Amino acid sequence: MDDHSLQEKMPPEIVSICAMNAVLHTDGVSEMAPLPAMASLGKDKDGAKGVRISESKKGLEIDVYLNVAFGTKIPDTAWNIQENVKHRVEDFTNRKVSQVNIHIMGVSPKDAKGNEQDR
């Protein structure tokens, strides 16, 4: 069995869970957010909350929906998310990721000590 046939058999739910784990392990991310109604139309239930994966001729296109912690530098966090998701998914699937689109849906407050609230 070659690598290409293994890639075709990997369920998209597994790829979305890999992407979700990469997002959640990025500093500044508070939690995943649910997909907006328009983003989930006509889609089966994804394997991971806040992740939508589609394919194009250029590679996988990944949309992530999340909340950040208050005080987070959003441009830096978004860049880190894009890098983490791209590298982890490409390493896991051996497929090219052409886009990682970040959708920040909200900001989560910190507690009185300045720490993030529980995820």
PDB file of N, CA and C in Angstrom:
ATOM      1  N   MET A   1       0.846  -1.183   0.000  1.00  0.00           N
ATOM      2  CA  MET A   1       0.000   0.000   0.000  1.00  0.00           C
ATOM      3  C   MET A   1       0.890   1.245   0.000  1.00  0.00           C
ATOM      4  N   ASP A   2       0.669   2.172  -0.895  1.00  0.00           N
ATOM      5  CA  ASP A   2       1.494   3.376  -0.937  1.00  0.00           C
ATOM      6  C   ASP A   2       0.895   4.484  -0.070  1.00  0.00           C
ATOM      7  N   ASP A   3       1.693   5.556   0.126  1.00  0.00           N
ATOM      8  CA  ASP A   3       1.257   6.672   0.967  1.00  0.00           C
ATOM      9  C   ASP A   3       0.000   7.336   0.432  1.00  0.00           C
ATOM     10  N   HIS A   4      -0.130   7.414  -0.895  1.00  0.00           N
ATOM     11  CA  HIS A   4      -1.295   8.095  -1.480  1.00  0.00           C
ATOM     12  C   HIS A   4      -2.599   7.396  -1.116  1.00  0.00           C
ATOM     13  N   SER A   5      -2.607   6.061  -1.154  1.00  0.00           N
ATOM     14  CA  SER A   5      -3.839   5.345  -0.822  1.00  0.00           C
ATOM     15  C   SER A   5      -4.150   5.459   0.672  1.00  0.00           C
ATOM     16  N   LEU A   6      -3.127   5.575   1.518  1.00  0.00           N
ATOM     17  CA  LEU A   6      -3.375   5.790   2.945  1.00  0.00           C
ATOM     18  C   LEU A   6      -4.003   7.157   3.181  1.00  0.00           C
ATOM     19  N   GLN A   7      -3.547   8.167   2.436  1.00  0.00           N
ATOM     20  CA  GLN A   7      -4.081   9.521   2.582  1.00  0.00           C
ATOM     21  C   GLN A   7      -5.557   9.562   2.225  1.00  0.00           C
ATOM     22  N   GLU A   8      -5.936   8.855   1.179  1.00  0.00           N
ATOM     23  CA  GLU A   8      -7.322   8.871   0.731  1.00  0.00           C
ATOM     24  C   GLU A   8      -8.250   8.217   1.746  1.00  0.00           C
ATOM     25  N   LYS A   9      -7.753   7.286   2.541  1.00  0.00           N
ATOM     26  CA  LYS A   9      -8.589   6.570   3.490  1.00  0.00           C
ATOM     27  C   LYS A   9      -8.695   7.270   4.841  1.00  0.00           C
ATOM     28  N   MET A  10      -7.903   8.325   5.074  1.00  0.00           N
ATOM     29  CA  MET A  10      -7.946   9.015   6.362  1.00  0.00           C
ATOM     30  C   MET A  10      -9.229   9.849   6.434  1.00  0.00           C
ATOM     31  N   PRO A  11     -10.078   9.573   7.400  1.00  0.00           N
ATOM     32  CA  PRO A  11     -11.337  10.319   7.509  1.00  0.00           C
ATOM     33  C   PRO A  11     -11.082  11.795   7.814  1.00  0.00           C
ATOM     34  N   PRO A  12     -11.886  12.687   7.245  1.00  0.00           N
ATOM     35  CA  PRO A  12     -11.707  14.116   7.511  1.00  0.00           C
ATOM     36  C   PRO A  12     -11.878  14.464   8.986  1.00  0.00           C
ATOM     37  N   GLU A  13     -12.636  13.647   9.721  1.00  0.00           N
ATOM     38  CA  GLU A  13     -12.824  13.896  11.150  1.00  0.00           C
ATOM     39  C   GLU A  13     -11.500  13.801  11.902  1.00  0.00           C
ATOM     40  N   ILE A  14     -10.656  12.880  11.493  1.00  0.00           N
ATOM     41  CA  ILE A  14      -9.350  12.711  12.137  1.00  0.00           C
ATOM     42  C   ILE A  14      -8.460  13.905  11.843  1.00  0.00           C
ATOM     43  N   VAL A  15      -8.497  14.393  10.617  1.00  0.00           N
ATOM     44  CA  VAL A  15      -7.702  15.560  10.238  1.00  0.00           C
ATOM     45  C   VAL A  15      -8.181  16.790  11.016  1.00  0.00           C
ATOM     46  N   SER A  16      -9.490  16.934  11.180  1.00  0.00           N
ATOM     47  CA  SER A  16     -10.004  18.092  11.914  1.00  0.00           C
ATOM     48  C   SER A  16      -9.633  18.028  13.393  1.00  0.00           C
ATOM     49  N   ILE A  17      -9.570  16.836  13.964  1.00  0.00           N
ATOM     50  CA  ILE A  17      -9.139  16.703  15.361  1.00  0.00           C
ATOM     51  C   ILE A  17      -7.666  17.070  15.495  1.00  0.00           C
ATOM     52  N   CYS A  18      -6.852  16.674  14.532  1.00  0.00           N
ATOM     53  CA  CYS A  18      -5.438  17.053  14.533  1.00  0.00           C
ATOM     54  C   CYS A  18      -5.296  18.573  14.490  1.00  0.00           C
ATOM     55  N   ALA A  19      -6.071  19.237  13.627  1.00  0.00           N
ATOM     56  CA  ALA A  19      -6.031  20.700  13.522  1.00  0.00           C
ATOM     57  C   ALA A  19      -6.502  21.342  14.825  1.00  0.00           C
ATOM     58  N   MET A  20      -7.558  20.808  15.423  1.00  0.00           N
ATOM     59  CA  MET A  20      -8.078  21.363  16.673  1.00  0.00           C
ATOM     60  C   MET A  20      -7.029  21.274  17.780  1.00  0.00           C
ATOM     61  N   ASN A  21      -6.351  20.155  17.876  1.00  0.00           N
ATOM     62  CA  ASN A  21      -5.309  20.003  18.891  1.00  0.00           C
ATOM     63  C   ASN A  21      -4.180  21.007  18.673  1.00  0.00           C
ATOM     64  N   ALA A  22      -3.817  21.260  17.426  1.00  0.00           N
ATOM     65  CA  ALA A  22      -2.770  22.247  17.137  1.00  0.00           C
ATOM     66  C   ALA A  22      -3.211  23.636  17.581  1.00  0.00           C
ATOM     67  N   VAL A  23      -4.485  23.978  17.359  1.00  0.00           N
ATOM     68  CA  VAL A  23      -5.006  25.284  17.770  1.00  0.00           C
ATOM     69  C   VAL A  23      -4.984  25.404  19.286  1.00  0.00           C
ATOM     70  N   LEU A  24      -5.491  24.403  19.975  1.00  0.00           N
ATOM     71  CA  LEU A  24      -5.605  24.464  21.430  1.00  0.00           C
ATOM     72  C   LEU A  24      -4.254  24.473  22.141  1.00  0.00           C
ATOM     73  N   HIS A  25      -3.211  24.029  21.461  1.00  0.00           N
ATOM     74  CA  HIS A  25      -1.876  24.044  22.054  1.00  0.00           C
ATOM     75  C   HIS A  25      -1.084  25.291  21.645  1.00  0.00           C
ATOM     76  N   THR A  26      -1.778  26.318  21.223  1.00  0.00           N
ATOM     77  CA  THR A  26      -1.145  27.586  20.866  1.00  0.00           C
ATOM     78  C   THR A  26      -1.428  28.594  21.967  1.00  0.00           C
ATOM     79  N   ASP A  27      -0.391  29.278  22.436  1.00  0.00           N
ATOM     80  CA  ASP A  27      -0.562  30.293  23.476  1.00  0.00           C
ATOM     81  C   ASP A  27      -1.533  31.373  23.026  1.00  0.00           C
ATOM     82  N   GLY A  28      -2.402  31.784  23.936  1.00  0.00           N
ATOM     83  CA  GLY A  28      -3.362  32.843  23.657  1.00  0.00           C
ATOM     84  C   GLY A  28      -4.738  32.347  23.265  1.00  0.00           C
ATOM     85  N   VAL A  29      -4.856  31.064  22.919  1.00  0.00           N
ATOM     86  CA  VAL A  29      -6.146  30.494  22.544  1.00  0.00           C
ATOM     87  C   VAL A  29      -6.877  30.091  23.817  1.00  0.00           C
ATOM     88  N   SER A  30      -8.102  30.565  23.944  1.00  0.00           N
ATOM     89  CA  SER A  30      -8.904  30.237  25.111  1.00  0.00           C
ATOM     90  C   SER A  30      -9.691  28.950  24.893  1.00  0.00           C
ATOM     91  N   GLU A  31     -10.399  28.876  23.764  1.00  0.00           N
ATOM     92  CA  GLU A  31     -11.223  27.702  23.465  1.00  0.00           C
ATOM     93  C   GLU A  31     -11.648  27.742  22.016  1.00  0.00           C
ATOM     94  N   MET A  32     -12.122  26.612  21.537  1.00  0.00           N
ATOM     95  CA  MET A  32     -12.679  26.549  20.189  1.00  0.00           C
ATOM     96  C   MET A  32     -14.095  27.101  20.239  1.00  0.00           C
ATOM     97  N   ALA A  33     -14.547  27.663  19.134  1.00  0.00           N
ATOM     98  CA  ALA A  33     -15.899  28.198  19.034  1.00  0.00           C
ATOM     99  C   ALA A  33     -16.681  27.347  18.031  1.00  0.00           C
ATOM    100  N   PRO A  34     -17.994  27.275  18.183  1.00  0.00           N
ATOM    101  CA  PRO A  34     -18.778  26.507  17.211  1.00  0.00           C
ATOM    102  C   PRO A  34     -18.758  27.183  15.844  1.00  0.00           C
ATOM    103  N   LEU A  35     -18.932  26.370  14.809  1.00  0.00           N
ATOM    104  CA  LEU A  35     -19.004  26.917  13.455  1.00  0.00           C
ATOM    105  C   LEU A  35     -20.247  27.784  13.329  1.00  0.00           C
ATOM    106  N   PRO A  36     -20.131  28.918  12.658  1.00  0.00           N
ATOM    107  CA  PRO A  36     -21.335  29.714  12.393  1.00  0.00           C
ATOM    108  C   PRO A  36     -22.281  28.919  11.492  1.00  0.00           C
ATOM    109  N   ALA A  37     -23.538  29.256  11.527  1.00  0.00           N
ATOM    110  CA  ALA A  37     -24.551  28.515  10.762  1.00  0.00           C
ATOM    111  C   ALA A  37     -24.211  28.457   9.272  1.00  0.00           C
ATOM    112  N   MET A  38     -23.748  29.545   8.707  1.00  0.00           N
ATOM    113  CA  MET A  38     -23.461  29.571   7.264  1.00  0.00           C
ATOM    114  C   MET A  38     -22.262  28.681   6.916  1.00  0.00           C
ATOM    115  N   ALA A  39     -21.302  28.550   7.817  1.00  0.00           N
ATOM    116  CA  ALA A  39     -20.119  27.736   7.541  1.00  0.00           C
ATOM    117  C   ALA A  39     -20.425  26.254   7.607  1.00  0.00           C
ATOM    118  N   SER A  40     -21.470  25.883   8.324  1.00  0.00           N
ATOM    119  CA  SER A  40     -21.761  24.464   8.494  1.00  0.00           C
ATOM    120  C   SER A  40     -22.917  23.971   7.628  1.00  0.00           C
ATOM    121  N   LEU A  41     -23.482  24.832   6.792  1.00  0.00           N
ATOM    122  CA  LEU A  41     -24.585  24.414   5.931  1.00  0.00           C
ATOM    123  C   LEU A  41     -24.147  23.305   4.982  1.00  0.00           C
ATOM    124  N   GLY A  42     -24.953  22.291   4.914  1.00  0.00           N
ATOM    125  CA  GLY A  42     -24.691  21.200   3.982  1.00  0.00           C
ATOM    126  C   GLY A  42     -23.530  20.320   4.380  1.00  0.00           C
ATOM    127  N   LYS A  43     -23.007  20.482   5.566  1.00  0.00           N
ATOM    128  CA  LYS A  43     -21.874  19.685   6.000  1.00  0.00           C
ATOM    129  C   LYS A  43     -22.333  18.645   7.006  1.00  0.00           C
ATOM    130  N   ASP A  44     -21.689  17.512   6.971  1.00  0.00           N
ATOM    131  CA  ASP A  44     -21.912  16.536   8.028  1.00  0.00           C
ATOM    132  C   ASP A  44     -21.245  17.056   9.290  1.00  0.00           C
ATOM    133  N   LYS A  45     -21.557  16.447  10.397  1.00  0.00           N
ATOM    134  CA  LYS A  45     -20.939  16.850  11.657  1.00  0.00           C
ATOM    135  C   LYS A  45     -19.438  16.609  11.570  1.00  0.00           C
ATOM    136  N   ASP A  46     -18.668  17.657  11.823  1.00  0.00           N
ATOM    137  CA  ASP A  46     -17.208  17.539  11.793  1.00  0.00           C
ATOM    138  C   ASP A  46     -16.723  16.766  13.000  1.00  0.00           C
ATOM    139  N   GLY A  47     -15.495  16.273  12.912  1.00  0.00           N
ATOM    140  CA  GLY A  47     -14.913  15.527  14.006  1.00  0.00           C
ATOM    141  C   GLY A  47     -14.454  16.411  15.143  1.00  0.00           C
ATOM    142  N   ALA A  48     -14.294  17.700  14.885  1.00  0.00           N
ATOM    143  CA  ALA A  48     -13.790  18.591  15.924  1.00  0.00           C
ATOM    144  C   ALA A  48     -14.586  19.880  15.921  1.00  0.00           C
ATOM    145  N   LYS A  49     -14.851  20.385  17.112  1.00  0.00           N
ATOM    146  CA  LYS A  49     -15.559  21.648  17.253  1.00  0.00           C
ATOM    147  C   LYS A  49     -14.684  22.779  16.723  1.00  0.00           C
ATOM    148  N   GLY A  50     -15.262  23.653  15.929  1.00  0.00           N
ATOM    149  CA  GLY A  50     -14.559  24.841  15.482  1.00  0.00           C
ATOM    150  C   GLY A  50     -13.605  24.652  14.327  1.00  0.00           C
ATOM    151  N   VAL A  51     -13.672  23.537  13.621  1.00  0.00           N
ATOM    152  CA  VAL A  51     -12.769  23.294  12.496  1.00  0.00           C
ATOM    153  C   VAL A  51     -13.579  22.851  11.288  1.00  0.00           C
ATOM    154  N   ARG A  52     -13.280  23.469  10.148  1.00  0.00           N
ATOM    155  CA  ARG A  52     -13.898  23.061   8.887  1.00  0.00           C
ATOM    156  C   ARG A  52     -12.782  22.830   7.882  1.00  0.00           C
ATOM    157  N   ILE A  53     -12.786  21.681   7.244  1.00  0.00           N
ATOM    158  CA  ILE A  53     -11.740  21.334   6.287  1.00  0.00           C
ATOM    159  C   ILE A  53     -12.377  21.087   4.928  1.00  0.00           C
ATOM    160  N   SER A  54     -11.778  21.697   3.908  1.00  0.00           N
ATOM    161  CA  SER A  54     -12.218  21.449   2.542  1.00  0.00           C
ATOM    162  C   SER A  54     -10.980  21.246   1.675  1.00  0.00           C
ATOM    163  N   GLU A  55     -11.198  20.652   0.514  1.00  0.00           N
ATOM    164  CA  GLU A  55     -10.085  20.374  -0.392  1.00  0.00           C
ATOM    165  C   GLU A  55     -10.207  21.215  -1.640  1.00  0.00           C
ATOM    166  N   SER A  56      -9.073  21.641  -2.141  1.00  0.00           N
ATOM    167  CA  SER A  56      -9.020  22.330  -3.426  1.00  0.00           C
ATOM    168  C   SER A  56      -7.878  21.707  -4.227  1.00  0.00           C
ATOM    169  N   LYS A  57      -7.680  22.183  -5.432  1.00  0.00           N
ATOM    170  CA  LYS A  57      -6.587  21.661  -6.250  1.00  0.00           C
ATOM    171  C   LYS A  57      -5.226  21.986  -5.647  1.00  0.00           C
ATOM    172  N   LYS A  58      -5.172  23.054  -4.861  1.00  0.00           N
ATOM    173  CA  LYS A  58      -3.905  23.477  -4.254  1.00  0.00           C
ATOM    174  C   LYS A  58      -3.589  22.740  -2.962  1.00  0.00           C
ATOM    175  N   GLY A  59      -4.579  22.102  -2.343  1.00  0.00           N
ATOM    176  CA  GLY A  59      -4.351  21.380  -1.096  1.00  0.00           C
ATOM    177  C   GLY A  59      -5.517  21.556  -0.140  1.00  0.00           C
ATOM    178  N   LEU A  60      -5.287  21.211   1.120  1.00  0.00           N
ATOM    179  CA  LEU A  60      -6.324  21.341   2.141  1.00  0.00           C
ATOM    180  C   LEU A  60      -6.502  22.802   2.540  1.00  0.00           C
ATOM    181  N   GLU A  61      -7.744  23.198   2.704  1.00  0.00           N
ATOM    182  CA  GLU A  61      -8.069  24.530   3.208  1.00  0.00           C
ATOM    183  C   GLU A  61      -8.757  24.334   4.551  1.00  0.00           C
ATOM    184  N   ILE A  62      -8.182  24.933   5.587  1.00  0.00           N
ATOM    185  CA  ILE A  62      -8.658  24.717   6.944  1.00  0.00           C
ATOM    186  C   ILE A  62      -9.131  26.043   7.528  1.00  0.00           C
ATOM    187  N   ASP A  63     -10.364  26.051   8.012  1.00  0.00           N
ATOM    188  CA  ASP A  63     -10.923  27.204   8.714  1.00  0.00           C
ATOM    189  C   ASP A  63     -11.048  26.830  10.179  1.00  0.00           C
ATOM    190  N   VAL A  64     -10.518  27.680  11.061  1.00  0.00           N
ATOM    191  CA  VAL A  64     -10.651  27.433  12.494  1.00  0.00           C
ATOM    192  C   VAL A  64     -11.381  28.602  13.140  1.00  0.00           C
ATOM    193  N   TYR A  65     -12.300  28.269  14.028  1.00  0.00           N
ATOM    194  CA  TYR A  65     -13.130  29.241  14.736  1.00  0.00           C
ATOM    195  C   TYR A  65     -12.793  29.113  16.220  1.00  0.00           C
ATOM    196  N   LEU A  66     -12.383  30.226  16.839  1.00  0.00           N
ATOM    197  CA  LEU A  66     -11.901  30.143  18.206  1.00  0.00           C
ATOM    198  C   LEU A  66     -12.136  31.427  18.979  1.00  0.00           C
ATOM    199  N   ASN A  67     -11.954  31.332  20.280  1.00  0.00           N
ATOM    200  CA  ASN A  67     -11.961  32.484  21.173  1.00  0.00           C
ATOM    201  C   ASN A  67     -10.546  32.632  21.708  1.00  0.00           C
ATOM    202  N   VAL A  68     -10.098  33.879  21.862  1.00  0.00           N
ATOM    203  CA  VAL A  68      -8.783  34.142  22.422  1.00  0.00           C
ATOM    204  C   VAL A  68      -8.926  34.666  23.841  1.00  0.00           C
ATOM    205  N   ALA A  69      -7.852  34.590  24.602  1.00  0.00           N
ATOM    206  CA  ALA A  69      -7.838  35.112  25.964  1.00  0.00           C
ATOM    207  C   ALA A  69      -7.659  36.630  25.917  1.00  0.00           C
ATOM    208  N   PHE A  70      -8.293  37.320  26.846  1.00  0.00           N
ATOM    209  CA  PHE A  70      -8.190  38.770  26.926  1.00  0.00           C
ATOM    210  C   PHE A  70      -6.720  39.159  27.088  1.00  0.00           C
ATOM    211  N   GLY A  71      -6.287  40.166  26.361  1.00  0.00           N
ATOM    212  CA  GLY A  71      -4.917  40.650  26.439  1.00  0.00           C
ATOM    213  C   GLY A  71      -3.972  39.977  25.462  1.00  0.00           C
ATOM    214  N   THR A  72      -4.470  39.035  24.705  1.00  0.00           N
ATOM    215  CA  THR A  72      -3.657  38.325  23.725  1.00  0.00           C
ATOM    216  C   THR A  72      -3.361  39.231  22.541  1.00  0.00           C
ATOM    217  N   LYS A  73      -2.147  39.162  22.037  1.00  0.00           N
ATOM    218  CA  LYS A  73      -1.796  39.883  20.809  1.00  0.00           C
ATOM    219  C   LYS A  73      -2.315  39.047  19.640  1.00  0.00           C
ATOM    220  N   ILE A  74      -3.427  39.488  19.087  1.00  0.00           N
ATOM    221  CA  ILE A  74      -4.139  38.684  18.095  1.00  0.00           C
ATOM    222  C   ILE A  74      -3.300  38.414  16.841  1.00  0.00           C
ATOM    223  N   PRO A  75      -2.591  39.390  16.270  1.00  0.00           N
ATOM    224  CA  PRO A  75      -1.798  39.059  15.074  1.00  0.00           C
ATOM    225  C   PRO A  75      -0.741  37.982  15.329  1.00  0.00           C
ATOM    226  N   ASP A  76      -0.069  38.054  16.483  1.00  0.00           N
ATOM    227  CA  ASP A  76       0.941  37.052  16.812  1.00  0.00           C
ATOM    228  C   ASP A  76       0.305  35.684  17.025  1.00  0.00           C
ATOM    229  N   THR A  77      -0.819  35.672  17.738  1.00  0.00           N
ATOM    230  CA  THR A  77      -1.505  34.409  18.004  1.00  0.00           C
ATOM    231  C   THR A  77      -2.017  33.789  16.703  1.00  0.00           C
ATOM    232  N   ALA A  78      -2.597  34.604  15.829  1.00  0.00           N
ATOM    233  CA  ALA A  78      -3.101  34.091  14.551  1.00  0.00           C
ATOM    234  C   ALA A  78      -1.973  33.495  13.717  1.00  0.00           C
ATOM    235  N   TRP A  79      -0.835  34.168  13.678  1.00  0.00           N
ATOM    236  CA  TRP A  79       0.318  33.652  12.927  1.00  0.00           C
ATOM    237  C   TRP A  79       0.758  32.306  13.504  1.00  0.00           C
ATOM    238  N   ASN A  80       0.858  32.222  14.838  1.00  0.00           N
ATOM    239  CA  ASN A  80       1.279  30.980  15.486  1.00  0.00           C
ATOM    240  C   ASN A  80       0.297  29.846  15.230  1.00  0.00           C
ATOM    241  N   ILE A  81      -0.998  30.164  15.237  1.00  0.00           N
ATOM    242  CA  ILE A  81      -2.010  29.145  14.933  1.00  0.00           C
ATOM    243  C   ILE A  81      -1.819  28.634  13.513  1.00  0.00           C
ATOM    244  N   GLN A  82      -1.662  29.546  12.568  1.00  0.00           N
ATOM    245  CA  GLN A  82      -1.484  29.133  11.173  1.00  0.00           C
ATOM    246  C   GLN A  82      -0.274  28.219  11.013  1.00  0.00           C
ATOM    247  N   GLU A  83       0.829  28.582  11.630  1.00  0.00           N
ATOM    248  CA  GLU A  83       2.038  27.771  11.530  1.00  0.00           C
ATOM    249  C   GLU A  83       1.845  26.405  12.189  1.00  0.00           C
ATOM    250  N   ASN A  84       1.287  26.384  13.399  1.00  0.00           N
ATOM    251  CA  ASN A  84       1.081  25.126  14.119  1.00  0.00           C
ATOM    252  C   ASN A  84       0.159  24.187  13.360  1.00  0.00           C
ATOM    253  N   VAL A  85      -0.971  24.710  12.898  1.00  0.00           N
ATOM    254  CA  VAL A  85      -1.937  23.869  12.180  1.00  0.00           C
ATOM    255  C   VAL A  85      -1.325  23.338  10.885  1.00  0.00           C
ATOM    256  N   LYS A  86      -0.699  24.221  10.124  1.00  0.00           N
ATOM    257  CA  LYS A  86      -0.099  23.812   8.847  1.00  0.00           C
ATOM    258  C   LYS A  86       0.920  22.692   9.063  1.00  0.00           C
ATOM    259  N   HIS A  87       1.851  22.895   9.986  1.00  0.00           N
ATOM    260  CA  HIS A  87       2.900  21.893  10.184  1.00  0.00           C
ATOM    261  C   HIS A  87       2.366  20.579  10.749  1.00  0.00           C
ATOM    262  N   ARG A  88       1.481  20.647  11.723  1.00  0.00           N
ATOM    263  CA  ARG A  88       0.968  19.404  12.318  1.00  0.00           C
ATOM    264  C   ARG A  88       0.126  18.605  11.334  1.00  0.00           C
ATOM    265  N   VAL A  89      -0.749  19.288  10.585  1.00  0.00           N
ATOM    266  CA  VAL A  89      -1.599  18.561   9.635  1.00  0.00           C
ATOM    267  C   VAL A  89      -0.760  18.006   8.489  1.00  0.00           C
ATOM    268  N   GLU A  90       0.185  18.780   7.981  1.00  0.00           N
ATOM    269  CA  GLU A  90       1.031  18.268   6.900  1.00  0.00           C
ATOM    270  C   GLU A  90       1.866  17.077   7.368  1.00  0.00           C
ATOM    271  N   ASP A  91       2.414  17.151   8.579  1.00  0.00           N
ATOM    272  CA  ASP A  91       3.187  16.023   9.109  1.00  0.00           C
ATOM    273  C   ASP A  91       2.315  14.795   9.319  1.00  0.00           C
ATOM    274  N   PHE A  92       1.092  15.005   9.795  1.00  0.00           N
ATOM    275  CA  PHE A  92       0.184  13.903  10.108  1.00  0.00           C
ATOM    276  C   PHE A  92      -0.372  13.232   8.852  1.00  0.00           C
ATOM    277  N   THR A  93      -0.704  14.033   7.852  1.00  0.00           N
ATOM    278  CA  THR A  93      -1.390  13.500   6.675  1.00  0.00           C
ATOM    279  C   THR A  93      -0.510  13.339   5.447  1.00  0.00           C
ATOM    280  N   ASN A  94       0.661  13.944   5.429  1.00  0.00           N
ATOM    281  CA  ASN A  94       1.524  13.991   4.241  1.00  0.00           C
ATOM    282  C   ASN A  94       0.813  14.658   3.058  1.00  0.00           C
ATOM    283  N   ARG A  95      -0.073  15.594   3.371  1.00  0.00           N
ATOM    284  CA  ARG A  95      -0.784  16.352   2.333  1.00  0.00           C
ATOM    285  C   ARG A  95      -0.487  17.824   2.524  1.00  0.00           C
ATOM    286  N   LYS A  96      -0.501  18.563   1.430  1.00  0.00           N
ATOM    287  CA  LYS A  96      -0.213  19.996   1.474  1.00  0.00           C
ATOM    288  C   LYS A  96      -1.406  20.758   2.045  1.00  0.00           C
ATOM    289  N   VAL A  97      -1.124  21.705   2.926  1.00  0.00           N
ATOM    290  CA  VAL A  97      -2.133  22.628   3.442  1.00  0.00           C
ATOM    291  C   VAL A  97      -1.912  23.951   2.724  1.00  0.00           C
ATOM    292  N   SER A  98      -2.891  24.378   1.944  1.00  0.00           N
ATOM    293  CA  SER A  98      -2.730  25.611   1.174  1.00  0.00           C
ATOM    294  C   SER A  98      -3.186  26.845   1.932  1.00  0.00           C
ATOM    295  N   GLN A  99      -4.140  26.686   2.854  1.00  0.00           N
ATOM    296  CA  GLN A  99      -4.657  27.828   3.611  1.00  0.00           C
ATOM    297  C   GLN A  99      -5.054  27.401   5.013  1.00  0.00           C
ATOM    298  N   VAL A 100      -4.767  28.286   5.972  1.00  0.00           N
ATOM    299  CA  VAL A 100      -5.321  28.149   7.316  1.00  0.00           C
ATOM    300  C   VAL A 100      -5.951  29.494   7.635  1.00  0.00           C
ATOM    301  N   ASN A 101      -7.272  29.537   7.637  1.00  0.00           N
ATOM    302  CA  ASN A 101      -8.012  30.773   7.880  1.00  0.00           C
ATOM    303  C   ASN A 101      -8.449  30.821   9.338  1.00  0.00           C
ATOM    304  N   ILE A 102      -8.144  31.938   9.992  1.00  0.00           N
ATOM    305  CA  ILE A 102      -8.442  32.106  11.410  1.00  0.00           C
ATOM    306  C   ILE A 102      -9.681  32.992  11.547  1.00  0.00           C
ATOM    307  N   HIS A 103     -10.656  32.524  12.314  1.00  0.00           N
ATOM    308  CA  HIS A 103     -11.875  33.287  12.582  1.00  0.00           C
ATOM    309  C   HIS A 103     -11.999  33.435  14.094  1.00  0.00           C
ATOM    310  N   ILE A 104     -11.698  34.625  14.597  1.00  0.00           N
ATOM    311  CA  ILE A 104     -11.800  34.867  16.031  1.00  0.00           C
ATOM    312  C   ILE A 104     -13.224  35.300  16.323  1.00  0.00           C
ATOM    313  N   MET A 105     -13.909  34.465  17.095  1.00  0.00           N
ATOM    314  CA  MET A 105     -15.321  34.657  17.359  1.00  0.00           C
ATOM    315  C   MET A 105     -15.583  35.435  18.642  1.00  0.00           C
ATOM    316  N   GLY A 106     -14.580  35.515  19.528  1.00  0.00           N
ATOM    317  CA  GLY A 106     -14.782  36.231  20.775  1.00  0.00           C
ATOM    318  C   GLY A 106     -13.512  36.281  21.596  1.00  0.00           C
ATOM    319  N   VAL A 107     -13.622  37.003  22.715  1.00  0.00           N
ATOM    320  CA  VAL A 107     -12.518  37.146  23.654  1.00  0.00           C
ATOM    321  C   VAL A 107     -13.002  36.652  25.013  1.00  0.00           C
ATOM    322  N   SER A 108     -12.238  35.762  25.615  1.00  0.00           N
ATOM    323  CA  SER A 108     -12.590  35.234  26.929  1.00  0.00           C
ATOM    324  C   SER A 108     -11.869  36.044  27.998  1.00  0.00           C
ATOM    325  N   PRO A 109     -12.574  36.391  29.079  1.00  0.00           N
ATOM    326  CA  PRO A 109     -11.939  37.174  30.139  1.00  0.00           C
ATOM    327  C   PRO A 109     -10.947  36.345  30.937  1.00  0.00           C
ATOM    328  N   LYS A 110     -10.052  37.046  31.622  1.00  0.00           N
ATOM    329  CA  LYS A 110      -9.124  36.392  32.544  1.00  0.00           C
ATOM    330  C   LYS A 110      -9.695  36.509  33.942  1.00  0.00           C
ATOM    331  N   ASP A 111      -9.244  35.641  34.838  1.00  0.00           N
ATOM    332  CA  ASP A 111      -9.705  35.735  36.219  1.00  0.00           C
ATOM    333  C   ASP A 111      -8.961  36.856  36.945  1.00  0.00           C
ATOM    334  N   ALA A 112      -9.238  37.077  38.206  1.00  0.00           N
ATOM    335  CA  ALA A 112      -8.688  38.207  38.961  1.00  0.00           C
ATOM    336  C   ALA A 112      -7.164  38.164  39.059  1.00  0.00           C
ATOM    337  N   LYS A 113      -6.551  36.983  38.968  1.00  0.00           N
ATOM    338  CA  LYS A 113      -5.101  36.855  39.066  1.00  0.00           C
ATOM    339  C   LYS A 113      -4.417  37.112  37.721  1.00  0.00           C
ATOM    340  N   GLY A 114      -5.213  37.311  36.676  1.00  0.00           N
ATOM    341  CA  GLY A 114      -4.643  37.530  35.352  1.00  0.00           C
ATOM    342  C   GLY A 114      -4.414  36.252  34.578  1.00  0.00           C
ATOM    343  N   ASN A 115      -4.894  35.134  35.128  1.00  0.00           N
ATOM    344  CA  ASN A 115      -4.754  33.849  34.435  1.00  0.00           C
ATOM    345  C   ASN A 115      -5.972  33.571  33.582  1.00  0.00           C
ATOM    346  N   GLU A 116      -5.772  32.751  32.542  1.00  0.00           N
ATOM    347  CA  GLU A 116      -6.907  32.368  31.720  1.00  0.00           C
ATOM    348  C   GLU A 116      -7.845  31.516  32.547  1.00  0.00           C
ATOM    349  N   GLN A 117      -9.144  31.647  32.248  1.00  0.00           N
ATOM    350  CA  GLN A 117     -10.104  30.780  32.900  1.00  0.00           C
ATOM    351  C   GLN A 117      -9.954  29.376  32.324  1.00  0.00           C
ATOM    352  N   ASP A 118     -10.506  28.398  33.025  1.00  0.00           N
ATOM    353  CA  ASP A 118     -10.423  27.009  32.568  1.00  0.00           C
ATOM    354  C   ASP A 118     -10.968  26.864  31.172  1.00  0.00           C
ATOM    355  N   ARG A 119     -10.317  26.017  30.387  1.00  0.00           N
ATOM    356  CA  ARG A 119     -10.764  25.764  29.013  1.00  0.00           C
ATOM    357  C   ARG A 119     -11.850  24.756  28.999  1.00  0.00           C
TER     358      ARG A 119
END
